[in-house]
Amino acid sequence: MSKKILLVGTLDSKGQEVAYLRQRVEERGWGVTTLDVGTLGNPTCPADISQHEVAKAGGGDFSQMKLKGDRSYSVEIMTRGAIKKTLELYSCRELAGVLAIGGGTGTVENWLGC
């Protein structure tokens, strides 16, 4: 398996932008794995690693997070999950790099994950 670029984004609010970046990266010969850290709603483009998987990896349940409606709590869960999923890919030597895009939530998650 060749190494891929991990594209992290809030696919509920930035799905079109993530899809655009994915296309551009693939045009340059790289494989891409998308990881959805969106906390608001349903993704607007497909994810390789869904927001449900990310929430579970962070110790939460996405459906319950939505019901709770606490954005700070959701961001914390998704941050932990994104870090865990990224480290799993890294430890398996599957990553060539990471590219992240998002609004305020994506920025907070990405800075906390550094």
Protein backbone atom coordinates (compact mmCIF):
# COMPACT_ATOMS: atom_id res chain seq x y z
CA MET A 1 0.00 0.00 0.00
CA SER A 2 1.38 3.42 -0.92
CA LYS A 3 1.32 6.26 1.54
CA LYS A 4 -1.54 8.75 1.33
CA ILE A 5 -2.33 12.30 2.26
CA LEU A 6 -4.76 12.53 5.18
CA LEU A 7 -7.29 15.28 4.47
CA VAL A 8 -9.00 16.38 7.68
CA GLY A 9 -12.07 18.57 7.43
CA THR A 10 -15.47 19.53 8.73
CA LEU A 11 -17.45 17.82 5.98
CA ASP A 12 -20.78 19.09 7.28
CA SER A 13 -19.82 22.70 6.57
CA LYS A 14 -16.77 22.45 4.28
CA GLY A 15 -17.61 19.37 2.21
CA GLN A 16 -17.33 21.14 -1.14
CA GLU A 17 -13.96 22.56 -0.22
CA VAL A 18 -12.71 19.16 0.97
CA ALA A 19 -13.94 17.51 -2.25
CA TYR A 20 -12.12 20.19 -4.28
CA LEU A 21 -8.86 19.70 -2.35
CA ARG A 22 -9.15 15.94 -2.66
CA GLN A 23 -9.46 16.26 -6.43
CA ARG A 24 -6.46 18.60 -6.65
CA VAL A 25 -4.27 16.31 -4.52
CA GLU A 26 -5.31 13.21 -6.49
CA GLU A 27 -4.54 15.02 -9.76
CA ARG A 28 -0.97 15.29 -8.51
CA GLY A 29 -0.73 11.52 -8.12
CA TRP A 30 -1.38 11.16 -4.39
CA GLY A 31 -3.90 8.88 -2.74
CA VAL A 32 -6.17 10.64 -0.25
CA THR A 33 -7.91 9.50 2.93
CA THR A 34 -10.56 11.89 4.23
CA LEU A 35 -11.33 12.21 7.94
CA ASP A 36 -14.52 14.02 8.98
CA VAL A 37 -14.34 16.11 12.17
CA GLY A 38 -17.65 17.88 11.57
CA THR A 39 -19.83 18.38 14.64
CA LEU A 40 -22.90 20.15 13.24
CA GLY A 41 -24.66 17.79 10.91
CA ASN A 42 -24.48 15.42 8.00
CA PRO A 43 -21.49 15.46 5.66
CA THR A 44 -21.95 17.02 2.23
CA CYS A 45 -19.35 14.72 0.63
CA PRO A 46 -18.22 11.18 1.46
CA ALA A 47 -15.58 10.52 4.11
CA ASP A 48 -13.22 7.59 4.34
CA ILE A 49 -13.23 7.96 8.13
CA SER A 50 -16.69 9.11 9.19
CA GLN A 51 -17.62 11.54 11.94
CA HIS A 52 -19.18 8.54 13.75
CA GLU A 53 -15.83 6.68 13.66
CA VAL A 54 -13.97 9.78 14.82
CA ALA A 55 -16.40 10.35 17.71
CA LYS A 56 -16.11 6.70 18.78
CA ALA A 57 -12.31 6.91 18.69
CA GLY A 58 -12.58 10.01 20.90
CA GLY A 59 -14.70 8.20 23.48
CA GLY A 60 -18.07 9.53 22.39
CA ASP A 61 -21.14 8.66 20.37
CA PHE A 62 -21.92 11.04 17.51
CA SER A 63 -25.70 10.64 17.79
CA GLN A 64 -25.57 11.40 21.50
CA MET A 65 -23.29 14.39 20.88
CA LYS A 66 -25.84 15.85 18.48
CA LEU A 67 -28.64 15.33 21.00
CA LYS A 68 -26.61 16.95 23.76
CA GLY A 69 -25.98 19.98 21.57
CA ASP A 70 -22.87 21.11 23.45
CA ARG A 71 -20.40 22.32 20.84
CA SER A 72 -17.43 22.52 23.23
CA TYR A 73 -18.01 18.95 24.34
CA SER A 74 -18.33 17.79 20.72
CA VAL A 75 -15.15 19.57 19.67
CA GLU A 76 -13.27 17.94 22.54
CA ILE A 77 -14.50 14.45 21.57
CA MET A 78 -13.76 14.98 17.87
CA THR A 79 -10.30 16.36 18.64
CA ARG A 80 -9.39 13.28 20.67
CA GLY A 81 -10.80 11.03 17.96
CA ALA A 82 -8.99 12.81 15.14
CA ILE A 83 -5.69 12.59 17.00
CA LYS A 84 -6.21 8.88 17.70
CA LYS A 85 -7.17 8.04 14.09
CA THR A 86 -4.25 10.07 12.72
CA LEU A 87 -1.77 8.36 15.03
CA GLU A 88 -3.17 4.95 14.00
CA LEU A 89 -2.53 5.76 10.33
CA TYR A 90 0.91 7.15 11.16
CA SER A 91 1.91 4.11 13.21
CA CYS A 92 0.92 1.85 10.29
CA ARG A 93 3.17 3.97 8.05
CA GLU A 94 0.22 4.91 5.85
CA LEU A 95 0.71 8.69 5.88
CA ALA A 96 2.75 10.86 3.55
CA GLY A 97 1.31 14.03 5.06
CA VAL A 98 -1.71 15.73 6.57
CA LEU A 99 -3.78 18.57 5.11
CA ALA A 100 -6.52 20.13 7.22
CA ILE A 101 -9.32 22.53 6.36
CA GLY A 102 -12.13 23.90 8.43
CA GLY A 103 -13.90 26.83 9.92
CA GLY A 104 -13.54 27.74 13.57
CA THR A 105 -14.11 24.18 14.78
CA GLY A 106 -11.67 22.69 12.29
CA THR A 107 -9.06 25.27 13.26
CA VAL A 108 -9.45 24.55 16.98
CA GLU A 109 -9.31 20.79 16.41
CA ASN A 110 -6.28 21.04 14.17
CA TRP A 111 -4.32 23.32 16.50
CA LEU A 112 -5.10 21.14 19.48
CA GLY A 113 -3.97 18.10 17.51
CA CYS A 114 -0.49 19.50 16.78
